[in-house]
Amino acid sequence: SEQTNPKGQVFPDDFGLECPSSAATSRQSLAQAQLDYRRIESAINFIATNFRDQPSLNEIAAASHVSPYHFQRLFSKWVGISPKKFMQFISINYAKDALAGQGATLLDAAYHSG
């Protein structure tokens, strides 16, 4: 016999079905989070290694094995800023270090930081 709640809605429990256990859902979420973490870690390493060439979003996404659209969303979610802003941050810090520590000229720092 079909059971309904007071509002007339039918729920899986009403049919004796079990919703996915939270443990299984947690394992899936954990596995996805680990995969996302590795992708973002890979992207950060790619940007840090190649920032002087100013790689495009497509190039960074390809190195992370995801579509550009998904990569943009994923990176912003994990890092808190866009990939472009992150690359700018890396470039600016490299230029600041070159000016302060290495005694580079402004032109040299700008040129070598991308």
Protein backbone atom coordinates (compact mmCIF):
# COMPACT_ATOMS: atom_id res chain seq x y z
CA SER A 1 0.00 0.00 0.00
CA GLU A 2 1.24 3.44 -0.90
CA GLN A 3 1.75 5.79 2.00
CA THR A 4 1.78 9.55 1.86
CA ASN A 5 2.75 12.20 4.31
CA PRO A 6 0.22 14.76 5.55
CA LYS A 7 0.87 17.01 2.53
CA GLY A 8 0.20 14.15 0.13
CA GLN A 9 3.81 13.83 -1.04
CA VAL A 10 5.33 10.41 -1.59
CA PHE A 11 8.85 9.73 -0.31
CA PRO A 12 11.29 6.88 -1.03
CA ASP A 13 10.89 5.69 2.57
CA ASP A 14 7.23 5.15 1.82
CA PHE A 15 8.19 2.37 -0.61
CA GLY A 16 10.80 0.76 1.59
CA LEU A 17 13.58 2.18 -0.61
CA GLU A 18 16.76 3.39 0.97
CA CYS A 19 18.35 6.67 0.09
CA PRO A 20 22.09 6.41 -0.60
CA SER A 21 23.93 6.12 2.67
CA SER A 22 25.77 9.19 3.79
CA ALA A 23 28.94 7.09 3.96
CA ALA A 24 28.71 6.19 0.27
CA THR A 25 27.88 9.78 -0.62
CA SER A 26 30.78 10.98 1.51
CA ARG A 27 33.16 8.57 -0.23
CA GLN A 28 32.02 9.86 -3.62
CA SER A 29 32.34 13.46 -2.47
CA LEU A 30 35.76 12.76 -1.02
CA ALA A 31 36.94 11.08 -4.21
CA GLN A 32 35.68 14.03 -6.29
CA ALA A 33 37.29 16.53 -3.92
CA GLN A 34 40.61 14.67 -4.16
CA LEU A 35 40.40 14.68 -7.96
CA ASP A 36 39.55 18.39 -7.99
CA TYR A 37 42.42 19.10 -5.59
CA ARG A 38 44.89 17.30 -7.87
CA ARG A 39 43.59 19.23 -10.88
CA ILE A 40 43.96 22.58 -9.12
CA GLU A 41 47.38 21.62 -7.77
CA SER A 42 48.42 20.71 -11.31
CA ALA A 43 47.08 24.01 -12.64
CA ILE A 44 48.91 26.04 -9.99
CA ASN A 45 52.16 24.25 -10.82
CA PHE A 46 51.55 24.80 -14.54
CA ILE A 47 50.90 28.52 -14.01
CA ALA A 48 53.91 28.91 -11.71
CA THR A 49 56.16 27.22 -14.27
CA ASN A 50 54.77 28.96 -17.37
CA PHE A 51 53.56 32.38 -16.16
CA ARG A 52 56.19 34.20 -18.23
CA ASP A 53 54.51 32.88 -21.39
CA GLN A 54 51.08 34.00 -20.13
CA PRO A 55 49.27 30.74 -20.99
CA SER A 56 45.63 31.05 -22.01
CA LEU A 57 42.73 29.63 -20.05
CA ASN A 58 42.44 26.90 -22.69
CA GLU A 59 46.09 25.89 -22.22
CA ILE A 60 45.81 25.77 -18.42
CA ALA A 61 42.54 23.84 -18.59
CA ALA A 62 44.06 21.36 -21.04
CA ALA A 63 46.99 20.80 -18.67
CA SER A 64 44.43 20.09 -15.92
CA HIS A 65 42.37 17.76 -18.17
CA VAL A 66 39.09 19.66 -17.90
CA SER A 67 37.09 21.97 -20.14
CA PRO A 68 37.92 25.69 -19.92
CA TYR A 69 34.45 26.47 -18.55
CA HIS A 70 34.66 23.82 -15.82
CA PHE A 71 38.25 24.75 -15.03
CA GLN A 72 37.36 28.44 -14.55
CA ARG A 73 34.60 27.54 -12.09
CA LEU A 74 36.66 24.90 -10.29
CA PHE A 75 39.75 27.10 -9.93
CA SER A 76 37.75 30.06 -8.64
CA LYS A 77 35.94 27.82 -6.15
CA TRP A 78 39.14 26.31 -4.75
CA VAL A 79 41.52 29.26 -4.93
CA GLY A 80 39.08 32.11 -4.40
CA ILE A 81 40.19 34.12 -7.42
CA SER A 82 40.16 33.60 -11.17
CA PRO A 83 43.07 31.89 -12.94
CA LYS A 84 43.89 35.21 -14.67
CA LYS A 85 44.10 37.07 -11.34
CA PHE A 86 46.25 34.29 -9.93
CA MET A 87 48.64 34.53 -12.88
CA GLN A 88 48.81 38.30 -12.43
CA PHE A 89 49.61 37.79 -8.74
CA ILE A 90 52.43 35.37 -9.59
CA SER A 91 53.83 37.75 -12.25
CA ILE A 92 53.72 40.79 -9.97
CA ASN A 93 55.40 38.93 -7.11
CA TYR A 94 58.12 37.70 -9.46
CA ALA A 95 58.72 41.27 -10.66
CA LYS A 96 58.79 42.61 -7.08
CA ASP A 97 61.31 39.97 -6.07
CA ALA A 98 63.44 40.72 -9.14
CA LEU A 99 63.45 44.43 -8.32
CA ALA A 100 64.09 44.03 -4.61
CA GLY A 101 66.40 41.06 -4.36
CA GLN A 102 68.14 40.79 -7.68
CA GLY A 103 68.61 44.47 -8.40
CA ALA A 104 66.96 44.16 -11.81
CA THR A 105 65.93 47.24 -13.73
CA LEU A 106 62.24 47.99 -14.08
CA LEU A 107 62.39 47.03 -17.76
CA ASP A 108 64.12 43.72 -16.98
CA ALA A 109 61.64 42.89 -14.21
CA ALA A 110 58.68 43.66 -16.46
CA TYR A 111 60.11 41.70 -19.37
CA HIS A 112 61.03 38.60 -17.36
CA SER A 113 57.79 38.49 -15.39
CA GLY A 114 55.62 38.16 -18.48
